[in-house]
PDB file of all heavy atoms in Angstrom:
ATOM      1  N   ASP A   1     -18.316   1.185 -21.443  1.00  0.00           N
ATOM      2  CA  ASP A   1     -18.903   0.052 -22.153  1.00  0.00           C
ATOM      3  C   ASP A   1     -17.841  -0.917 -22.657  1.00  0.00           C
ATOM      4  O   ASP A   1     -18.092  -2.115 -22.794  1.00  0.00           O
ATOM      5  CB  ASP A   1     -19.749   0.557 -23.328  1.00  0.00           C
ATOM      6  CG  ASP A   1     -20.993   1.318 -22.865  1.00  0.00           C
ATOM      7  OD1 ASP A   1     -21.361   1.176 -21.677  1.00  0.00           O
ATOM      8  OD2 ASP A   1     -21.570   2.059 -23.688  1.00  0.00           O
ATOM      9  N   LYS A   2     -16.655  -0.384 -22.958  1.00  0.00           N
ATOM     10  CA  LYS A   2     -15.549  -1.223 -23.446  1.00  0.00           C
ATOM     11  C   LYS A   2     -14.723  -1.810 -22.309  1.00  0.00           C
ATOM     12  O   LYS A   2     -13.733  -2.490 -22.550  1.00  0.00           O
ATOM     13  CB  LYS A   2     -14.644  -0.404 -24.363  1.00  0.00           C
ATOM     14  CG  LYS A   2     -15.310  -0.003 -25.677  1.00  0.00           C
ATOM     15  CD  LYS A   2     -14.355   0.830 -26.525  1.00  0.00           C
ATOM     16  CE  LYS A   2     -15.016   1.240 -27.843  1.00  0.00           C
ATOM     17  NZ  LYS A   2     -14.103   2.088 -28.674  1.00  0.00           N
ATOM     18  N   GLY A   3     -15.125  -1.520 -21.081  1.00  0.00           N
ATOM     19  CA  GLY A   3     -14.408  -2.073 -19.936  1.00  0.00           C
ATOM     20  C   GLY A   3     -13.148  -1.315 -19.575  1.00  0.00           C
ATOM     21  O   GLY A   3     -12.315  -1.806 -18.810  1.00  0.00           O
ATOM     22  N   ILE A   4     -12.992  -0.118 -20.105  1.00  0.00           N
ATOM     23  CA  ILE A   4     -11.809   0.688 -19.805  1.00  0.00           C
ATOM     24  C   ILE A   4     -11.985   1.311 -18.429  1.00  0.00           C
ATOM     25  O   ILE A   4     -13.003   1.926 -18.136  1.00  0.00           O
ATOM     26  CB  ILE A   4     -11.604   1.793 -20.862  1.00  0.00           C
ATOM     27  CG1 ILE A   4     -11.383   1.162 -22.235  1.00  0.00           C
ATOM     28  CG2 ILE A   4     -10.434   2.692 -20.488  1.00  0.00           C
ATOM     29  CD1 ILE A   4     -11.320   2.159 -23.368  1.00  0.00           C
ATOM     30  N   VAL A   5     -10.978   1.126 -17.569  1.00  0.00           N
ATOM     31  CA  VAL A   5     -11.022   1.683 -16.221  1.00  0.00           C
ATOM     32  C   VAL A   5     -10.604   3.141 -16.289  1.00  0.00           C
ATOM     33  O   VAL A   5      -9.522   3.472 -16.783  1.00  0.00           O
ATOM     34  CB  VAL A   5     -10.086   0.903 -15.272  1.00  0.00           C
ATOM     35  CG1 VAL A   5     -10.118   1.534 -13.881  1.00  0.00           C
ATOM     36  CG2 VAL A   5     -10.502  -0.558 -15.211  1.00  0.00           C
ATOM     37  N   LEU A   6     -11.476   4.013 -15.817  1.00  0.00           N
ATOM     38  CA  LEU A   6     -11.205   5.449 -15.848  1.00  0.00           C
ATOM     39  C   LEU A   6     -10.493   5.887 -14.580  1.00  0.00           C
ATOM     40  O   LEU A   6     -10.581   5.235 -13.540  1.00  0.00           O
ATOM     41  CB  LEU A   6     -12.509   6.215 -16.015  1.00  0.00           C
ATOM     42  CG  LEU A   6     -13.332   5.843 -17.255  1.00  0.00           C
ATOM     43  CD1 LEU A   6     -14.673   6.541 -17.224  1.00  0.00           C
ATOM     44  CD2 LEU A   6     -12.579   6.184 -18.529  1.00  0.00           C
ATOM     45  N   GLY A   7      -9.809   6.986 -14.671  1.00  0.00           N
ATOM     46  CA  GLY A   7      -9.084   7.519 -13.520  1.00  0.00           C
ATOM     47  C   GLY A   7      -7.686   6.941 -13.419  1.00  0.00           C
ATOM     48  O   GLY A   7      -7.236   6.173 -14.268  1.00  0.00           O
ATOM     49  N   ARG A   8      -7.005   7.303 -12.359  1.00  0.00           N
ATOM     50  CA  ARG A   8      -5.629   6.836 -12.173  1.00  0.00           C
ATOM     51  C   ARG A   8      -5.607   5.335 -11.870  1.00  0.00           C
ATOM     52  O   ARG A   8      -6.483   4.829 -11.166  1.00  0.00           O
ATOM     53  CB  ARG A   8      -4.964   7.595 -11.019  1.00  0.00           C
ATOM     54  CG  ARG A   8      -4.683   9.046 -11.340  1.00  0.00           C
ATOM     55  CD  ARG A   8      -3.829   9.681 -10.275  1.00  0.00           C
ATOM     56  NE  ARG A   8      -4.501   9.722  -8.984  1.00  0.00           N
ATOM     57  CZ  ARG A   8      -3.942  10.202  -7.866  1.00  0.00           C
ATOM     58  NH1 ARG A   8      -2.717  10.672  -7.908  1.00  0.00           N
ATOM     59  NH2 ARG A   8      -4.611  10.213  -6.738  1.00  0.00           N
ATOM     60  N   PRO A   9      -4.609   4.627 -12.389  1.00  0.00           N
ATOM     61  CA  PRO A   9      -4.542   3.189 -12.118  1.00  0.00           C
ATOM     62  C   PRO A   9      -4.346   2.906 -10.633  1.00  0.00           C
ATOM     63  O   PRO A   9      -3.686   3.668  -9.932  1.00  0.00           O
ATOM     64  CB  PRO A   9      -3.315   2.733 -12.933  1.00  0.00           C
ATOM     65  CG  PRO A   9      -2.506   3.967 -13.148  1.00  0.00           C
ATOM     66  CD  PRO A   9      -3.493   5.084 -13.239  1.00  0.00           C
ATOM     67  N   ARG A  10      -4.938   1.808 -10.159  1.00  0.00           N
ATOM     68  CA  ARG A  10      -4.834   1.425  -8.755  1.00  0.00           C
ATOM     69  C   ARG A  10      -3.409   1.000  -8.452  1.00  0.00           C
ATOM     70  O   ARG A  10      -2.819   0.189  -9.164  1.00  0.00           O
ATOM     71  CB  ARG A  10      -5.801   0.273  -8.470  1.00  0.00           C
ATOM     72  CG  ARG A  10      -5.803  -0.208  -7.020  1.00  0.00           C
ATOM     73  CD  ARG A  10      -6.769  -1.362  -6.883  1.00  0.00           C
ATOM     74  NE  ARG A  10      -6.708  -1.991  -5.576  1.00  0.00           N
ATOM     75  CZ  ARG A  10      -7.405  -1.605  -4.522  1.00  0.00           C
ATOM     76  NH1 ARG A  10      -8.226  -0.579  -4.643  1.00  0.00           N
ATOM     77  NH2 ARG A  10      -7.313  -2.220  -3.366  1.00  0.00           N
ATOM     78  N   ARG A  11      -2.855   1.562  -7.403  1.00  0.00           N
ATOM     79  CA  ARG A  11      -1.470   1.268  -7.030  1.00  0.00           C
ATOM     80  C   ARG A  11      -1.407  -0.032  -6.256  1.00  0.00           C
ATOM     81  O   ARG A  11      -2.158  -0.249  -5.298  1.00  0.00           O
ATOM     82  CB  ARG A  11      -0.910   2.408  -6.174  1.00  0.00           C
ATOM     83  CG  ARG A  11       0.549   2.247  -5.821  1.00  0.00           C
ATOM     84  CD  ARG A  11       1.061   3.508  -5.165  1.00  0.00           C
ATOM     85  NE  ARG A  11       2.467   3.413  -4.855  1.00  0.00           N
ATOM     86  CZ  ARG A  11       3.194   4.400  -4.340  1.00  0.00           C
ATOM     87  NH1 ARG A  11       2.603   5.563  -4.100  1.00  0.00           N
ATOM     88  NH2 ARG A  11       4.474   4.238  -4.079  1.00  0.00           N
ATOM     89  N   GLU A  12      -0.517  -0.919  -6.686  1.00  0.00           N
ATOM     90  CA  GLU A  12      -0.345  -2.199  -5.999  1.00  0.00           C
ATOM     91  C   GLU A  12       0.525  -2.004  -4.759  1.00  0.00           C
ATOM     92  O   GLU A  12       1.545  -1.307  -4.800  1.00  0.00           O
ATOM     93  CB  GLU A  12       0.300  -3.218  -6.935  1.00  0.00           C
ATOM     94  CG  GLU A  12      -0.562  -3.596  -8.132  1.00  0.00           C
ATOM     95  CD  GLU A  12      -1.896  -4.214  -7.723  1.00  0.00           C
ATOM     96  OE1 GLU A  12      -1.919  -4.926  -6.690  1.00  0.00           O
ATOM     97  OE2 GLU A  12      -2.893  -3.977  -8.409  1.00  0.00           O
ATOM     98  N   ILE A  13       0.111  -2.625  -3.679  1.00  0.00           N
ATOM     99  CA  ILE A  13       0.843  -2.498  -2.411  1.00  0.00           C
ATOM    100  C   ILE A  13       1.144  -3.887  -1.859  1.00  0.00           C
ATOM    101  O   ILE A  13       0.299  -4.786  -1.886  1.00  0.00           O
ATOM    102  CB  ILE A  13       0.012  -1.703  -1.388  1.00  0.00           C
ATOM    103  CG1 ILE A  13      -0.171  -0.262  -1.866  1.00  0.00           C
ATOM    104  CG2 ILE A  13       0.663  -1.714  -0.009  1.00  0.00           C
ATOM    105  CD1 ILE A  13      -1.062   0.563  -0.967  1.00  0.00           C
ATOM    106  N   ASP A  14       2.352  -4.049  -1.336  1.00  0.00           N
ATOM    107  CA  ASP A  14       2.744  -5.312  -0.711  1.00  0.00           C
ATOM    108  C   ASP A  14       2.225  -5.322   0.725  1.00  0.00           C
ATOM    109  O   ASP A  14       2.888  -4.832   1.645  1.00  0.00           O
ATOM    110  CB  ASP A  14       4.272  -5.457  -0.737  1.00  0.00           C
ATOM    111  CG  ASP A  14       4.735  -6.763  -0.094  1.00  0.00           C
ATOM    112  OD1 ASP A  14       3.876  -7.631   0.173  1.00  0.00           O
ATOM    113  OD2 ASP A  14       5.943  -6.899   0.153  1.00  0.00           O
ATOM    114  N   LEU A  15       1.011  -5.846   0.898  1.00  0.00           N
ATOM    115  CA  LEU A  15       0.423  -5.841   2.232  1.00  0.00           C
ATOM    116  C   LEU A  15       1.173  -6.730   3.210  1.00  0.00           C
ATOM    117  O   LEU A  15       1.195  -6.470   4.412  1.00  0.00           O
ATOM    118  CB  LEU A  15      -1.048  -6.274   2.157  1.00  0.00           C
ATOM    119  CG  LEU A  15      -2.050  -5.224   1.637  1.00  0.00           C
ATOM    120  CD1 LEU A  15      -3.454  -5.756   1.706  1.00  0.00           C
ATOM    121  CD2 LEU A  15      -1.939  -3.928   2.425  1.00  0.00           C
ATOM    122  N   ARG A  16       1.827  -7.798   2.687  1.00  0.00           N
ATOM    123  CA  ARG A  16       2.599  -8.664   3.589  1.00  0.00           C
ATOM    124  C   ARG A  16       3.729  -7.883   4.233  1.00  0.00           C
ATOM    125  O   ARG A  16       4.004  -8.015   5.419  1.00  0.00           O
ATOM    126  CB  ARG A  16       3.139  -9.871   2.832  1.00  0.00           C
ATOM    127  CG  ARG A  16       2.067 -10.877   2.424  1.00  0.00           C
ATOM    128  CD  ARG A  16       2.652 -12.001   1.632  1.00  0.00           C
ATOM    129  NE  ARG A  16       3.271 -11.527   0.382  1.00  0.00           N
ATOM    130  CZ  ARG A  16       3.899 -12.313  -0.488  1.00  0.00           C
ATOM    131  NH1 ARG A  16       4.004 -13.607  -0.259  1.00  0.00           N
ATOM    132  NH2 ARG A  16       4.414 -11.806  -1.589  1.00  0.00           N
ATOM    133  N   GLY A  17       4.385  -7.047   3.417  1.00  0.00           N
ATOM    134  CA  GLY A  17       5.453  -6.220   3.966  1.00  0.00           C
ATOM    135  C   GLY A  17       4.924  -5.207   4.962  1.00  0.00           C
ATOM    136  O   GLY A  17       5.540  -4.935   5.999  1.00  0.00           O
ATOM    137  N   ALA A  18       3.735  -4.637   4.648  1.00  0.00           N
ATOM    138  CA  ALA A  18       3.138  -3.660   5.562  1.00  0.00           C
ATOM    139  C   ALA A  18       2.772  -4.318   6.885  1.00  0.00           C
ATOM    140  O   ALA A  18       3.020  -3.761   7.960  1.00  0.00           O
ATOM    141  CB  ALA A  18       1.906  -3.052   4.908  1.00  0.00           C
ATOM    142  N   LEU A  19       2.179  -5.511   6.812  1.00  0.00           N
ATOM    143  CA  LEU A  19       1.795  -6.229   8.034  1.00  0.00           C
ATOM    144  C   LEU A  19       3.015  -6.602   8.858  1.00  0.00           C
ATOM    145  O   LEU A  19       2.992  -6.555  10.094  1.00  0.00           O
ATOM    146  CB  LEU A  19       0.984  -7.466   7.678  1.00  0.00           C
ATOM    147  CG  LEU A  19      -0.413  -7.203   7.094  1.00  0.00           C
ATOM    148  CD1 LEU A  19      -1.031  -8.490   6.566  1.00  0.00           C
ATOM    149  CD2 LEU A  19      -1.312  -6.553   8.131  1.00  0.00           C
ATOM    150  N   ALA A  20       4.096  -6.967   8.168  1.00  0.00           N
ATOM    151  CA  ALA A  20       5.329  -7.322   8.878  1.00  0.00           C
ATOM    152  C   ALA A  20       5.866  -6.116   9.640  1.00  0.00           C
ATOM    153  O   ALA A  20       6.326  -6.241  10.786  1.00  0.00           O
ATOM    154  CB  ALA A  20       6.368  -7.841   7.892  1.00  0.00           C
ATOM    155  N   LEU A  21       5.824  -4.963   9.008  1.00  0.00           N
ATOM    156  CA  LEU A  21       6.285  -3.748   9.682  1.00  0.00           C
ATOM    157  C   LEU A  21       5.415  -3.423  10.886  1.00  0.00           C
ATOM    158  O   LEU A  21       5.911  -3.048  11.952  1.00  0.00           O
ATOM    159  CB  LEU A  21       6.278  -2.573   8.691  1.00  0.00           C
ATOM    160  CG  LEU A  21       7.343  -2.601   7.596  1.00  0.00           C
ATOM    161  CD1 LEU A  21       7.056  -1.525   6.552  1.00  0.00           C
ATOM    162  CD2 LEU A  21       8.734  -2.379   8.206  1.00  0.00           C
ATOM    163  N   LEU A  22       4.104  -3.564  10.715  1.00  0.00           N
ATOM    164  CA  LEU A  22       3.190  -3.307  11.831  1.00  0.00           C
ATOM    165  C   LEU A  22       3.431  -4.282  12.971  1.00  0.00           C
ATOM    166  O   LEU A  22       3.392  -3.910  14.144  1.00  0.00           O
ATOM    167  CB  LEU A  22       1.738  -3.394  11.345  1.00  0.00           C
ATOM    168  CG  LEU A  22       1.293  -2.320  10.333  1.00  0.00           C
ATOM    169  CD1 LEU A  22      -0.093  -2.639   9.801  1.00  0.00           C
ATOM    170  CD2 LEU A  22       1.318  -0.934  10.970  1.00  0.00           C
ATOM    171  N   ASP A  23       3.695  -5.554  12.618  1.00  0.00           N
ATOM    172  CA  ASP A  23       3.941  -6.564  13.644  1.00  0.00           C
ATOM    173  C   ASP A  23       5.246  -6.309  14.384  1.00  0.00           C
ATOM    174  O   ASP A  23       5.414  -6.743  15.529  1.00  0.00           O
ATOM    175  CB  ASP A  23       3.980  -7.954  13.007  1.00  0.00           C
ATOM    176  CG  ASP A  23       2.597  -8.426  12.564  1.00  0.00           C
ATOM    177  OD1 ASP A  23       1.598  -7.849  13.068  1.00  0.00           O
ATOM    178  OD2 ASP A  23       2.499  -9.324  11.717  1.00  0.00           O
ATOM    179  N   ARG A  24       6.176  -5.621  13.733  1.00  0.00           N
ATOM    180  CA  ARG A  24       7.454  -5.315  14.386  1.00  0.00           C
ATOM    181  C   ARG A  24       7.371  -4.045  15.230  1.00  0.00           C
ATOM    182  O   ARG A  24       8.370  -3.613  15.791  1.00  0.00           O
ATOM    183  CB  ARG A  24       8.561  -5.168  13.339  1.00  0.00           C
ATOM    184  CG  ARG A  24       8.963  -6.492  12.698  1.00  0.00           C
ATOM    185  CD  ARG A  24      10.369  -6.426  12.130  1.00  0.00           C
ATOM    186  NE  ARG A  24      10.492  -5.466  11.031  1.00  0.00           N
ATOM    187  CZ  ARG A  24      10.303  -5.779   9.743  1.00  0.00           C
ATOM    188  NH1 ARG A  24       9.982  -7.035   9.395  1.00  0.00           N
ATOM    189  NH2 ARG A  24      10.426  -4.866   8.811  1.00  0.00           N
ATOM    190  N   GLY A  25       6.164  -3.458  15.304  1.00  0.00           N
ATOM    191  CA  GLY A  25       5.988  -2.318  16.191  1.00  0.00           C
ATOM    192  C   GLY A  25       5.894  -0.970  15.512  1.00  0.00           C
ATOM    193  O   GLY A  25       5.755   0.060  16.187  1.00  0.00           O
ATOM    194  N   HIS A  26       5.972  -0.953  14.195  1.00  0.00           N
ATOM    195  CA  HIS A  26       5.841   0.326  13.498  1.00  0.00           C
ATOM    196  C   HIS A  26       4.386   0.772  13.501  1.00  0.00           C
ATOM    197  O   HIS A  26       3.463  -0.039  13.393  1.00  0.00           O
ATOM    198  CB  HIS A  26       6.328   0.193  12.047  1.00  0.00           C
ATOM    199  CG  HIS A  26       7.805   0.056  11.921  1.00  0.00           C
ATOM    200  ND1 HIS A  26       8.664   1.128  11.931  1.00  0.00           N
ATOM    201  CD2 HIS A  26       8.584  -1.047  11.782  1.00  0.00           C
ATOM    202  CE1 HIS A  26       9.911   0.701  11.794  1.00  0.00           C
ATOM    203  NE2 HIS A  26       9.886  -0.620  11.706  1.00  0.00           N
ATOM    204  N   GLY A  27       4.176   2.083  13.639  1.00  0.00           N
ATOM    205  CA  GLY A  27       2.839   2.637  13.505  1.00  0.00           C
ATOM    206  C   GLY A  27       2.470   2.732  12.033  1.00  0.00           C
ATOM    207  O   GLY A  27       3.290   2.512  11.138  1.00  0.00           O
ATOM    208  N   LEU A  28       1.234   3.089  11.777  1.00  0.00           N
ATOM    209  CA  LEU A  28       0.754   3.182  10.400  1.00  0.00           C
ATOM    210  C   LEU A  28       1.549   4.225   9.611  1.00  0.00           C
ATOM    211  O   LEU A  28       1.936   4.008   8.456  1.00  0.00           O
ATOM    212  CB  LEU A  28      -0.736   3.540  10.404  1.00  0.00           C
ATOM    213  CG  LEU A  28      -1.460   3.443   9.057  1.00  0.00           C
ATOM    214  CD1 LEU A  28      -1.513   2.007   8.579  1.00  0.00           C
ATOM    215  CD2 LEU A  28      -2.867   4.011   9.180  1.00  0.00           C
ATOM    216  N   LYS A  29       1.802   5.367  10.238  1.00  0.00           N
ATOM    217  CA  LYS A  29       2.538   6.440   9.566  1.00  0.00           C
ATOM    218  C   LYS A  29       3.960   6.010   9.241  1.00  0.00           C
ATOM    219  O   LYS A  29       4.458   6.262   8.129  1.00  0.00           O
ATOM    220  CB  LYS A  29       2.547   7.680  10.459  1.00  0.00           C
ATOM    221  CG  LYS A  29       3.211   8.892   9.827  1.00  0.00           C
ATOM    222  CD  LYS A  29       3.104  10.093  10.745  1.00  0.00           C
ATOM    223  CE  LYS A  29       3.757  11.326  10.130  1.00  0.00           C
ATOM    224  NZ  LYS A  29       3.635  12.504  11.041  1.00  0.00           N
ATOM    225  N   SER A  30       4.596   5.364  10.197  1.00  0.00           N
ATOM    226  CA  SER A  30       5.974   4.909   9.995  1.00  0.00           C
ATOM    227  C   SER A  30       6.045   3.843   8.907  1.00  0.00           C
ATOM    228  O   SER A  30       6.927   3.880   8.035  1.00  0.00           O
ATOM    229  CB  SER A  30       6.529   4.358  11.314  1.00  0.00           C
ATOM    230  OG  SER A  30       7.811   3.786  11.109  1.00  0.00           O
ATOM    231  N   ALA A  31       5.105   2.887   8.904  1.00  0.00           N
ATOM    232  CA  ALA A  31       5.100   1.822   7.905  1.00  0.00           C
ATOM    233  C   ALA A  31       4.874   2.396   6.507  1.00  0.00           C
ATOM    234  O   ALA A  31       5.528   1.989   5.535  1.00  0.00           O
ATOM    235  CB  ALA A  31       4.023   0.795   8.239  1.00  0.00           C
ATOM    236  N   ALA A  32       3.951   3.336   6.410  1.00  0.00           N
ATOM    237  CA  ALA A  32       3.674   3.952   5.110  1.00  0.00           C
ATOM    238  C   ALA A  32       4.898   4.693   4.588  1.00  0.00           C
ATOM    239  O   ALA A  32       5.207   4.651   3.392  1.00  0.00           O
ATOM    240  CB  ALA A  32       2.485   4.907   5.239  1.00  0.00           C
ATOM    241  N   LYS A  33       5.613   5.367   5.485  1.00  0.00           N
ATOM    242  CA  LYS A  33       6.808   6.108   5.070  1.00  0.00           C
ATOM    243  C   LYS A  33       7.883   5.166   4.563  1.00  0.00           C
ATOM    244  O   LYS A  33       8.544   5.429   3.546  1.00  0.00           O
ATOM    245  CB  LYS A  33       7.329   6.932   6.250  1.00  0.00           C
ATOM    246  CG  LYS A  33       8.503   7.828   5.890  1.00  0.00           C
ATOM    247  CD  LYS A  33       8.901   8.703   7.073  1.00  0.00           C
ATOM    248  CE  LYS A  33      10.066   9.617   6.681  1.00  0.00           C
ATOM    249  NZ  LYS A  33      10.472  10.488   7.832  1.00  0.00           N
ATOM    250  N   ILE A  34       8.071   4.052   5.245  1.00  0.00           N
ATOM    251  CA  ILE A  34       9.077   3.066   4.829  1.00  0.00           C
ATOM    252  C   ILE A  34       8.719   2.479   3.458  1.00  0.00           C
ATOM    253  O   ILE A  34       9.585   2.281   2.600  1.00  0.00           O
ATOM    254  CB  ILE A  34       9.209   1.940   5.882  1.00  0.00           C
ATOM    255  CG1 ILE A  34       9.808   2.508   7.172  1.00  0.00           C
ATOM    256  CG2 ILE A  34      10.062   0.788   5.347  1.00  0.00           C
ATOM    257  CD1 ILE A  34       9.777   1.541   8.337  1.00  0.00           C
ATOM    258  N   LEU A  35       7.438   2.216   3.252  1.00  0.00           N
ATOM    259  CA  LEU A  35       6.976   1.638   1.982  1.00  0.00           C
ATOM    260  C   LEU A  35       6.887   2.676   0.866  1.00  0.00           C
ATOM    261  O   LEU A  35       6.711   2.318  -0.299  1.00  0.00           O
ATOM    262  CB  LEU A  35       5.618   0.970   2.181  1.00  0.00           C
ATOM    263  CG  LEU A  35       5.594  -0.250   3.111  1.00  0.00           C
ATOM    264  CD1 LEU A  35       4.157  -0.661   3.405  1.00  0.00           C
ATOM    265  CD2 LEU A  35       6.375  -1.408   2.501  1.00  0.00           C
ATOM    266  N   GLY A  36       6.961   3.967   1.235  1.00  0.00           N
ATOM    267  CA  GLY A  36       6.901   5.025   0.229  1.00  0.00           C
ATOM    268  C   GLY A  36       5.524   5.234  -0.349  1.00  0.00           C
ATOM    269  O   GLY A  36       5.377   5.533  -1.540  1.00  0.00           O
ATOM    270  N   ILE A  37       4.512   5.097   0.499  1.00  0.00           N
ATOM    271  CA  ILE A  37       3.135   5.278   0.043  1.00  0.00           C
ATOM    272  C   ILE A  37       2.407   6.197   1.018  1.00  0.00           C
ATOM    273  O   ILE A  37       2.817   6.335   2.175  1.00  0.00           O
ATOM    274  CB  ILE A  37       2.378   3.936  -0.057  1.00  0.00           C
ATOM    275  CG1 ILE A  37       2.354   3.229   1.302  1.00  0.00           C
ATOM    276  CG2 ILE A  37       2.978   3.045  -1.130  1.00  0.00           C
ATOM    277  CD1 ILE A  37       1.541   1.961   1.314  1.00  0.00           C
TER     278      ILE A  37
END
């Protein structure tokens, strides 16, 4: 009711960096490992 978000806070991700890695030929697993997520 007070607008408090329950649970773990949402982690912010730099999608531009992820897309750049994917565009350079990295797979999803490889890109995630580089980004540490």
